[in-house]
Amino acid sequence: MSCLHWAKLGLFAGGVLFGTAGIKILSSKDAKKCYTNATAAVLRAKDCVMETVTNVRENCDDILNDAKDINAERSAADAEAVIADAAPESAEE
């Protein structure tokens, strides 16, 4: 029992020591420089991704507009075909 008590106390002390050292390491000047550089890299990547997204969005808008034009032309051609088919029937009567 006594050994178990000392083991738990040792683990607690080790955790406190590791936590304190970890905080010192994470808040050091070199670590902050590393965080700053990593953040700058992420921002550059974000700009690149957003530029690509903008290009894709513009291309999709162009495709959508072209598709709408094609459908409008087809609808007009179909309407003319219906009118042309209906005209001879009414002339024959």
PDB file of N, CA and C in Angstrom:
ATOM      1  N   MET A   1       0.811  -1.189   0.000  1.00  0.00           N
ATOM      2  CA  MET A   1       0.000   0.000   0.000  1.00  0.00           C
ATOM      3  C   MET A   1       0.856   1.255   0.000  1.00  0.00           C
ATOM      4  N   SER A   2       1.890   1.215   0.811  1.00  0.00           N
ATOM      5  CA  SER A   2       2.776   2.357   0.938  1.00  0.00           C
ATOM      6  C   SER A   2       3.472   2.648  -0.385  1.00  0.00           C
ATOM      7  N   CYS A   3       3.825   1.597  -1.116  1.00  0.00           N
ATOM      8  CA  CYS A   3       4.497   1.753  -2.411  1.00  0.00           C
ATOM      9  C   CYS A   3       3.555   2.415  -3.409  1.00  0.00           C
ATOM     10  N   LEU A   4       2.287   2.030  -3.376  1.00  0.00           N
ATOM     11  CA  LEU A   4       1.299   2.601  -4.285  1.00  0.00           C
ATOM     12  C   LEU A   4       1.107   4.095  -4.014  1.00  0.00           C
ATOM     13  N   HIS A   5       1.119   4.476  -2.741  1.00  0.00           N
ATOM     14  CA  HIS A   5       0.976   5.871  -2.371  1.00  0.00           C
ATOM     15  C   HIS A   5       2.143   6.699  -2.912  1.00  0.00           C
ATOM     16  N   TRP A   6       3.357   6.193  -2.777  1.00  0.00           N
ATOM     17  CA  TRP A   6       4.535   6.916  -3.275  1.00  0.00           C
ATOM     18  C   TRP A   6       4.544   6.968  -4.812  1.00  0.00           C
ATOM     19  N   ALA A   7       4.038   5.952  -5.453  1.00  0.00           N
ATOM     20  CA  ALA A   7       3.997   5.929  -6.914  1.00  0.00           C
ATOM     21  C   ALA A   7       3.039   7.008  -7.427  1.00  0.00           C
ATOM     22  N   LYS A   8       1.888   7.126  -6.776  1.00  0.00           N
ATOM     23  CA  LYS A   8       0.932   8.160  -7.182  1.00  0.00           C
ATOM     24  C   LYS A   8       1.499   9.549  -6.941  1.00  0.00           C
ATOM     25  N   LEU A   9       2.173   9.714  -5.810  1.00  0.00           N
ATOM     26  CA  LEU A   9       2.782  11.002  -5.498  1.00  0.00           C
ATOM     27  C   LEU A   9       3.888  11.327  -6.498  1.00  0.00           C
ATOM     28  N   GLY A  10       4.668  10.328  -6.873  1.00  0.00           N
ATOM     29  CA  GLY A  10       5.729  10.515  -7.866  1.00  0.00           C
ATOM     30  C   GLY A  10       5.162  10.891  -9.229  1.00  0.00           C
ATOM     31  N   LEU A  11       4.085  10.219  -9.617  1.00  0.00           N
ATOM     32  CA  LEU A  11       3.444  10.549 -10.891  1.00  0.00           C
ATOM     33  C   LEU A  11       2.888  11.973 -10.885  1.00  0.00           C
ATOM     34  N   PHE A  12       2.294  12.363  -9.754  1.00  0.00           N
ATOM     35  CA  PHE A  12       1.770  13.720  -9.648  1.00  0.00           C
ATOM     36  C   PHE A  12       2.894  14.743  -9.738  1.00  0.00           C
ATOM     37  N   ALA A  13       3.981  14.525  -9.016  1.00  0.00           N
ATOM     38  CA  ALA A  13       5.115  15.449  -9.036  1.00  0.00           C
ATOM     39  C   ALA A  13       5.727  15.512 -10.437  1.00  0.00           C
ATOM     40  N   GLY A  14       5.839  14.371 -11.097  1.00  0.00           N
ATOM     41  CA  GLY A  14       6.364  14.351 -12.463  1.00  0.00           C
ATOM     42  C   GLY A  14       5.467  15.124 -13.416  1.00  0.00           C
ATOM     43  N   GLY A  15       4.156  14.978 -13.254  1.00  0.00           N
ATOM     44  CA  GLY A  15       3.215  15.710 -14.096  1.00  0.00           C
ATOM     45  C   GLY A  15       3.314  17.208 -13.895  1.00  0.00           C
ATOM     46  N   VAL A  16       3.441  17.622 -12.633  1.00  0.00           N
ATOM     47  CA  VAL A  16       3.588  19.050 -12.341  1.00  0.00           C
ATOM     48  C   VAL A  16       4.882  19.580 -12.940  1.00  0.00           C
ATOM     49  N   LEU A  17       5.970  18.834 -12.770  1.00  0.00           N
ATOM     50  CA  LEU A  17       7.261  19.256 -13.323  1.00  0.00           C
ATOM     51  C   LEU A  17       7.206  19.332 -14.843  1.00  0.00           C
ATOM     52  N   PHE A  18       6.632  18.299 -15.457  1.00  0.00           N
ATOM     53  CA  PHE A  18       6.531  18.280 -16.913  1.00  0.00           C
ATOM     54  C   PHE A  18       5.627  19.415 -17.407  1.00  0.00           C
ATOM     55  N   GLY A  19       4.537  19.671 -16.708  1.00  0.00           N
ATOM     56  CA  GLY A  19       3.635  20.759 -17.083  1.00  0.00           C
ATOM     57  C   GLY A  19       4.302  22.115 -16.972  1.00  0.00           C
ATOM     58  N   THR A  20       5.049  22.315 -15.895  1.00  0.00           N
ATOM     59  CA  THR A  20       5.743  23.590 -15.711  1.00  0.00           C
ATOM     60  C   THR A  20       6.803  23.784 -16.784  1.00  0.00           C
ATOM     61  N   ALA A  21       7.585  22.739 -17.043  1.00  0.00           N
ATOM     62  CA  ALA A  21       8.616  22.829 -18.082  1.00  0.00           C
ATOM     63  C   ALA A  21       7.964  23.020 -19.445  1.00  0.00           C
ATOM     64  N   GLY A  22       6.835  22.341 -19.676  1.00  0.00           N
ATOM     65  CA  GLY A  22       6.140  22.473 -20.956  1.00  0.00           C
ATOM     66  C   GLY A  22       5.647  23.889 -21.187  1.00  0.00           C
ATOM     67  N   ILE A  23       5.121  24.505 -20.145  1.00  0.00           N
ATOM     68  CA  ILE A  23       4.658  25.888 -20.277  1.00  0.00           C
ATOM     69  C   ILE A  23       5.828  26.815 -20.577  1.00  0.00           C
ATOM     70  N   LYS A  24       6.954  26.591 -19.909  1.00  0.00           N
ATOM     71  CA  LYS A  24       8.142  27.416 -20.171  1.00  0.00           C
ATOM     72  C   LYS A  24       8.611  27.245 -21.614  1.00  0.00           C
ATOM     73  N   ILE A  25       8.604  26.007 -22.082  1.00  0.00           N
ATOM     74  CA  ILE A  25       9.055  25.743 -23.464  1.00  0.00           C
ATOM     75  C   ILE A  25       8.086  26.353 -24.469  1.00  0.00           C
ATOM     76  N   LEU A  26       6.796  26.174 -24.224  1.00  0.00           N
ATOM     77  CA  LEU A  26       5.795  26.666 -25.170  1.00  0.00           C
ATOM     78  C   LEU A  26       5.716  28.189 -25.209  1.00  0.00           C
ATOM     79  N   SER A  27       6.126  28.850 -24.131  1.00  0.00           N
ATOM     80  CA  SER A  27       6.063  30.313 -24.110  1.00  0.00           C
ATOM     81  C   SER A  27       7.422  30.958 -24.356  1.00  0.00           C
ATOM     82  N   SER A  28       8.391  30.172 -24.797  1.00  0.00           N
ATOM     83  CA  SER A  28       9.718  30.728 -25.055  1.00  0.00           C
ATOM     84  C   SER A  28       9.728  31.564 -26.331  1.00  0.00           C
ATOM     85  N   LYS A  29      10.772  32.348 -26.479  1.00  0.00           N
ATOM     86  CA  LYS A  29      10.906  33.234 -27.637  1.00  0.00           C
ATOM     87  C   LYS A  29      11.012  32.429 -28.936  1.00  0.00           C
ATOM     88  N   ASP A  30      11.763  31.328 -28.909  1.00  0.00           N
ATOM     89  CA  ASP A  30      11.918  30.490 -30.102  1.00  0.00           C
ATOM     90  C   ASP A  30      10.596  29.836 -30.494  1.00  0.00           C
ATOM     91  N   ALA A  31       9.834  29.411 -29.496  1.00  0.00           N
ATOM     92  CA  ALA A  31       8.548  28.790 -29.789  1.00  0.00           C
ATOM     93  C   ALA A  31       7.597  29.814 -30.411  1.00  0.00           C
ATOM     94  N   LYS A  32       7.608  31.037 -29.892  1.00  0.00           N
ATOM     95  CA  LYS A  32       6.742  32.077 -30.457  1.00  0.00           C
ATOM     96  C   LYS A  32       7.125  32.377 -31.896  1.00  0.00           C
ATOM     97  N   LYS A  33       8.426  32.367 -32.186  1.00  0.00           N
ATOM     98  CA  LYS A  33       8.884  32.593 -33.562  1.00  0.00           C
ATOM     99  C   LYS A  33       8.380  31.467 -34.466  1.00  0.00           C
ATOM    100  N   CYS A  34       8.431  30.253 -33.957  1.00  0.00           N
ATOM    101  CA  CYS A  34       7.941  29.097 -34.723  1.00  0.00           C
ATOM    102  C   CYS A  34       6.435  29.226 -34.971  1.00  0.00           C
ATOM    103  N   TYR A  35       5.679  29.605 -33.937  1.00  0.00           N
ATOM    104  CA  TYR A  35       4.229  29.791 -34.097  1.00  0.00           C
ATOM    105  C   TYR A  35       3.925  30.868 -35.125  1.00  0.00           C
ATOM    106  N   THR A  36       4.707  31.951 -35.085  1.00  0.00           N
ATOM    107  CA  THR A  36       4.494  33.057 -36.026  1.00  0.00           C
ATOM    108  C   THR A  36       4.749  32.610 -37.454  1.00  0.00           C
ATOM    109  N   ASN A  37       5.834  31.876 -37.663  1.00  0.00           N
ATOM    110  CA  ASN A  37       6.154  31.397 -39.009  1.00  0.00           C
ATOM    111  C   ASN A  37       5.106  30.401 -39.501  1.00  0.00           C
ATOM    112  N   ALA A  38       4.643  29.545 -38.614  1.00  0.00           N
ATOM    113  CA  ALA A  38       3.609  28.578 -39.004  1.00  0.00           C
ATOM    114  C   ALA A  38       2.311  29.291 -39.360  1.00  0.00           C
ATOM    115  N   THR A  39       1.958  30.299 -38.590  1.00  0.00           N
ATOM    116  CA  THR A  39       0.743  31.054 -38.879  1.00  0.00           C
ATOM    117  C   THR A  39       0.852  31.798 -40.201  1.00  0.00           C
ATOM    118  N   ALA A  40       2.023  32.358 -40.468  1.00  0.00           N
ATOM    119  CA  ALA A  40       2.244  33.054 -41.743  1.00  0.00           C
ATOM    120  C   ALA A  40       2.114  32.076 -42.913  1.00  0.00           C
ATOM    121  N   ALA A  41       2.631  30.864 -42.759  1.00  0.00           N
ATOM    122  CA  ALA A  41       2.529  29.861 -43.815  1.00  0.00           C
ATOM    123  C   ALA A  41       1.071  29.473 -44.055  1.00  0.00           C
ATOM    124  N   VAL A  42       0.313  29.346 -42.986  1.00  0.00           N
ATOM    125  CA  VAL A  42      -1.102  29.010 -43.123  1.00  0.00           C
ATOM    126  C   VAL A  42      -1.854  30.131 -43.830  1.00  0.00           C
ATOM    127  N   LEU A  43      -1.533  31.369 -43.518  1.00  0.00           N
ATOM    128  CA  LEU A  43      -2.195  32.495 -44.186  1.00  0.00           C
ATOM    129  C   LEU A  43      -1.852  32.545 -45.672  1.00  0.00           C
ATOM    130  N   ARG A  44      -0.589  32.236 -46.011  1.00  0.00           N
ATOM    131  CA  ARG A  44      -0.210  32.196 -47.433  1.00  0.00           C
ATOM    132  C   ARG A  44      -0.968  31.082 -48.147  1.00  0.00           C
ATOM    133  N   ALA A  45      -1.085  29.936 -47.501  1.00  0.00           N
ATOM    134  CA  ALA A  45      -1.815  28.813 -48.096  1.00  0.00           C
ATOM    135  C   ALA A  45      -3.286  29.188 -48.276  1.00  0.00           C
ATOM    136  N   LYS A  46      -3.858  29.876 -47.299  1.00  0.00           N
ATOM    137  CA  LYS A  46      -5.254  30.301 -47.393  1.00  0.00           C
ATOM    138  C   LYS A  46      -5.450  31.221 -48.594  1.00  0.00           C
ATOM    139  N   ASP A  47      -4.523  32.171 -48.799  1.00  0.00           N
ATOM    140  CA  ASP A  47      -4.626  33.071 -49.943  1.00  0.00           C
ATOM    141  C   ASP A  47      -4.574  32.302 -51.254  1.00  0.00           C
ATOM    142  N   CYS A  48      -3.699  31.317 -51.326  1.00  0.00           N
ATOM    143  CA  CYS A  48      -3.575  30.506 -52.545  1.00  0.00           C
ATOM    144  C   CYS A  48      -4.861  29.717 -52.797  1.00  0.00           C
ATOM    145  N   VAL A  49      -5.405  29.130 -51.749  1.00  0.00           N
ATOM    146  CA  VAL A  49      -6.641  28.356 -51.882  1.00  0.00           C
ATOM    147  C   VAL A  49      -7.789  29.266 -52.298  1.00  0.00           C
ATOM    148  N   MET A  50      -7.880  30.430 -51.695  1.00  0.00           N
ATOM    149  CA  MET A  50      -8.968  31.349 -52.034  1.00  0.00           C
ATOM    150  C   MET A  50      -8.851  31.829 -53.482  1.00  0.00           C
ATOM    151  N   GLU A  51      -7.640  32.017 -53.970  1.00  0.00           N
ATOM    152  CA  GLU A  51      -7.450  32.409 -55.369  1.00  0.00           C
ATOM    153  C   GLU A  51      -7.936  31.299 -56.297  1.00  0.00           C
ATOM    154  N   THR A  52      -7.613  30.058 -55.955  1.00  0.00           N
ATOM    155  CA  THR A  52      -8.057  28.921 -56.756  1.00  0.00           C
ATOM    156  C   THR A  52      -9.579  28.797 -56.718  1.00  0.00           C
ATOM    157  N   VAL A  53     -10.163  28.976 -55.548  1.00  0.00           N
ATOM    158  CA  VAL A  53     -11.622  28.905 -55.413  1.00  0.00           C
ATOM    159  C   VAL A  53     -12.288  29.986 -56.260  1.00  0.00           C
ATOM    160  N   THR A  54     -11.721  31.176 -56.261  1.00  0.00           N
ATOM    161  CA  THR A  54     -12.278  32.264 -57.064  1.00  0.00           C
ATOM    162  C   THR A  54     -12.229  31.915 -58.545  1.00  0.00           C
ATOM    163  N   ASN A  55     -11.105  31.353 -59.003  1.00  0.00           N
ATOM    164  CA  ASN A  55     -10.994  30.953 -60.417  1.00  0.00           C
ATOM    165  C   ASN A  55     -12.018  29.883 -60.775  1.00  0.00           C
ATOM    166  N   VAL A  56     -12.177  28.902 -59.899  1.00  0.00           N
ATOM    167  CA  VAL A  56     -13.142  27.833 -60.162  1.00  0.00           C
ATOM    168  C   VAL A  56     -14.559  28.395 -60.174  1.00  0.00           C
ATOM    169  N   ARG A  57     -14.851  29.288 -59.250  1.00  0.00           N
ATOM    170  CA  ARG A  57     -16.198  29.887 -59.180  1.00  0.00           C
ATOM    171  C   ARG A  57     -16.484  30.679 -60.454  1.00  0.00           C
ATOM    172  N   GLU A  58     -15.500  31.444 -60.942  1.00  0.00           N
ATOM    173  CA  GLU A  58     -15.696  32.205 -62.178  1.00  0.00           C
ATOM    174  C   GLU A  58     -15.937  31.270 -63.353  1.00  0.00           C
ATOM    175  N   ASN A  59     -15.183  30.178 -63.422  1.00  0.00           N
ATOM    176  CA  ASN A  59     -15.379  29.213 -64.505  1.00  0.00           C
ATOM    177  C   ASN A  59     -16.762  28.570 -64.418  1.00  0.00           C
ATOM    178  N   CYS A  60     -17.200  28.259 -63.213  1.00  0.00           N
ATOM    179  CA  CYS A  60     -18.530  27.670 -63.042  1.00  0.00           C
ATOM    180  C   CYS A  60     -19.620  28.650 -63.462  1.00  0.00           C
ATOM    181  N   ASP A  61     -19.443  29.926 -63.146  1.00  0.00           N
ATOM    182  CA  ASP A  61     -20.419  30.932 -63.571  1.00  0.00           C
ATOM    183  C   ASP A  61     -20.479  31.021 -65.088  1.00  0.00           C
ATOM    184  N   ASP A  62     -19.308  30.973 -65.745  1.00  0.00           N
ATOM    185  CA  ASP A  62     -19.278  31.003 -67.210  1.00  0.00           C
ATOM    186  C   ASP A  62     -19.996  29.784 -67.792  1.00  0.00           C
ATOM    187  N   ILE A  63     -19.738  28.621 -67.219  1.00  0.00           N
ATOM    188  CA  ILE A  63     -20.377  27.392 -67.701  1.00  0.00           C
ATOM    189  C   ILE A  63     -21.883  27.474 -67.515  1.00  0.00           C
ATOM    190  N   LEU A  64     -22.316  27.965 -66.364  1.00  0.00           N
ATOM    191  CA  LEU A  64     -23.756  28.084 -66.094  1.00  0.00           C
ATOM    192  C   LEU A  64     -24.416  29.035 -67.084  1.00  0.00           C
ATOM    193  N   ASN A  65     -23.794  30.169 -67.341  1.00  0.00           N
ATOM    194  CA  ASN A  65     -24.364  31.127 -68.294  1.00  0.00           C
ATOM    195  C   ASN A  65     -24.410  30.541 -69.700  1.00  0.00           C
ATOM    196  N   ASP A  66     -23.368  29.832 -70.121  1.00  0.00           N
ATOM    197  CA  ASP A  66     -23.373  29.193 -71.438  1.00  0.00           C
ATOM    198  C   ASP A  66     -24.471  28.141 -71.533  1.00  0.00           C
ATOM    199  N   ALA A  67     -24.653  27.379 -70.459  1.00  0.00           N
ATOM    200  CA  ALA A  67     -25.696  26.347 -70.460  1.00  0.00           C
ATOM    201  C   ALA A  67     -27.082  26.985 -70.554  1.00  0.00           C
ATOM    202  N   LYS A  68     -27.281  28.086 -69.857  1.00  0.00           N
ATOM    203  CA  LYS A  68     -28.569  28.779 -69.935  1.00  0.00           C
ATOM    204  C   LYS A  68     -28.816  29.295 -71.345  1.00  0.00           C
ATOM    205  N   ASP A  69     -27.763  29.817 -71.998  1.00  0.00           N
ATOM    206  CA  ASP A  69     -27.908  30.290 -73.379  1.00  0.00           C
ATOM    207  C   ASP A  69     -28.271  29.144 -74.314  1.00  0.00           C
ATOM    208  N   ILE A  70     -27.612  28.003 -74.135  1.00  0.00           N
ATOM    209  CA  ILE A  70     -27.905  26.841 -74.980  1.00  0.00           C
ATOM    210  C   ILE A  70     -29.352  26.400 -74.786  1.00  0.00           C
ATOM    211  N   ASN A  71     -29.802  26.357 -73.549  1.00  0.00           N
ATOM    212  CA  ASN A  71     -31.196  25.956 -73.291  1.00  0.00           C
ATOM    213  C   ASN A  71     -32.189  26.964 -73.851  1.00  0.00           C
ATOM    214  N   ALA A  72     -31.873  28.235 -73.797  1.00  0.00           N
ATOM    215  CA  ALA A  72     -32.758  29.246 -74.364  1.00  0.00           C
ATOM    216  C   ALA A  72     -32.841  29.088 -75.879  1.00  0.00           C
ATOM    217  N   GLU A  73     -31.701  28.833 -76.529  1.00  0.00           N
ATOM    218  CA  GLU A  73     -31.693  28.621 -77.976  1.00  0.00           C
ATOM    219  C   GLU A  73     -32.503  27.385 -78.349  1.00  0.00           C
ATOM    220  N   ARG A  74     -32.352  26.307 -77.564  1.00  0.00           N
ATOM    221  CA  ARG A  74     -33.105  25.088 -77.839  1.00  0.00           C
ATOM    222  C   ARG A  74     -34.603  25.315 -77.668  1.00  0.00           C
ATOM    223  N   SER A  75     -34.959  26.045 -76.623  1.00  0.00           N
ATOM    224  CA  SER A  75     -36.382  26.323 -76.395  1.00  0.00           C
ATOM    225  C   SER A  75     -36.960  27.136 -77.550  1.00  0.00           C
ATOM    226  N   ALA A  76     -36.200  28.106 -78.024  1.00  0.00           N
ATOM    227  CA  ALA A  76     -36.663  28.924 -79.151  1.00  0.00           C
ATOM    228  C   ALA A  76     -36.780  28.073 -80.406  1.00  0.00           C
ATOM    229  N   ALA A  77     -35.831  27.191 -80.645  1.00  0.00           N
ATOM    230  CA  ALA A  77     -35.882  26.320 -81.820  1.00  0.00           C
ATOM    231  C   ALA A  77     -37.058  25.352 -81.720  1.00  0.00           C
ATOM    232  N   ASP A  78     -37.293  24.819 -80.529  1.00  0.00           N
ATOM    233  CA  ASP A  78     -38.442  23.917 -80.353  1.00  0.00           C
ATOM    234  C   ASP A  78     -39.755  24.661 -80.563  1.00  0.00           C
ATOM    235  N   ALA A  79     -39.836  25.876 -80.083  1.00  0.00           N
ATOM    236  CA  ALA A  79     -41.057  26.668 -80.272  1.00  0.00           C
ATOM    237  C   ALA A  79     -41.274  26.955 -81.744  1.00  0.00           C
ATOM    238  N   GLU A  80     -40.216  27.273 -82.480  1.00  0.00           N
ATOM    239  CA  GLU A  80     -40.347  27.509 -83.925  1.00  0.00           C
ATOM    240  C   GLU A  80     -40.768  26.242 -84.647  1.00  0.00           C
ATOM    241  N   ALA A  81     -40.255  25.094 -84.199  1.00  0.00           N
ATOM    242  CA  ALA A  81     -40.619  23.822 -84.829  1.00  0.00           C
ATOM    243  C   ALA A  81     -42.091  23.511 -84.595  1.00  0.00           C
ATOM    244  N   VAL A  82     -42.576  23.789 -83.397  1.00  0.00           N
ATOM    245  CA  VAL A  82     -43.995  23.557 -83.116  1.00  0.00           C
ATOM    246  C   VAL A  82     -44.855  24.478 -83.968  1.00  0.00           C
ATOM    247  N   ILE A  83     -44.455  25.732 -84.107  1.00  0.00           N
ATOM    248  CA  ILE A  83     -45.201  26.684 -84.928  1.00  0.00           C
ATOM    249  C   ILE A  83     -45.171  26.257 -86.393  1.00  0.00           C
ATOM    250  N   ALA A  84     -44.002  25.794 -86.857  1.00  0.00           N
ATOM    251  CA  ALA A  84     -43.874  25.361 -88.244  1.00  0.00           C
ATOM    252  C   ALA A  84     -44.712  24.119 -88.499  1.00  0.00           C
ATOM    253  N   ASP A  85     -44.775  23.205 -87.533  1.00  0.00           N
ATOM    254  CA  ASP A  85     -45.603  21.998 -87.701  1.00  0.00           C
ATOM    255  C   ASP A  85     -47.089  22.332 -87.669  1.00  0.00           C
ATOM    256  N   ALA A  86     -47.462  23.303 -86.875  1.00  0.00           N
ATOM    257  CA  ALA A  86     -48.864  23.666 -86.750  1.00  0.00           C
ATOM    258  C   ALA A  86     -49.350  24.482 -87.957  1.00  0.00           C
ATOM    259  N   ALA A  87     -48.490  25.231 -88.583  1.00  0.00           N
ATOM    260  CA  ALA A  87     -48.888  26.106 -89.714  1.00  0.00           C
ATOM    261  C   ALA A  87     -49.418  25.325 -90.893  1.00  0.00           C
ATOM    262  N   PRO A  88     -48.798  24.268 -91.368  1.00  0.00           N
ATOM    263  CA  PRO A  88     -49.361  23.541 -92.523  1.00  0.00           C
ATOM    264  C   PRO A  88     -50.710  22.903 -92.228  1.00  0.00           C
ATOM    265  N   GLU A  89     -50.929  22.457 -90.998  1.00  0.00           N
ATOM    266  CA  GLU A  89     -52.219  21.853 -90.677  1.00  0.00           C
ATOM    267  C   GLU A  89     -53.358  22.872 -90.766  1.00  0.00           C
ATOM    268  N   SER A  90     -53.115  24.057 -90.274  1.00  0.00           N
ATOM    269  CA  SER A  90     -54.169  25.073 -90.319  1.00  0.00           C
ATOM    270  C   SER A  90     -54.356  25.566 -91.753  1.00  0.00           C
ATOM    271  N   ALA A  91     -53.340  25.524 -92.601  1.00  0.00           N
ATOM    272  CA  ALA A  91     -53.474  25.949 -93.970  1.00  0.00           C
ATOM    273  C   ALA A  91     -54.272  24.928 -94.780  1.00  0.00           C
ATOM    274  N   GLU A  92     -54.140  23.648 -94.422  1.00  0.00           N
ATOM    275  CA  GLU A  92     -54.831  22.602 -95.157  1.00  0.00           C
ATOM    276  C   GLU A  92     -56.329  22.639 -94.879  1.00  0.00           C
ATOM    277  N   GLU A  93     -56.724  23.074 -93.712  1.00  0.00           N
ATOM    278  CA  GLU A  93     -58.146  23.087 -93.351  1.00  0.00           C
ATOM    279  C   GLU A  93     -58.805  24.186 -94.058  1.00  0.00           C
TER     280      GLU A  93
END
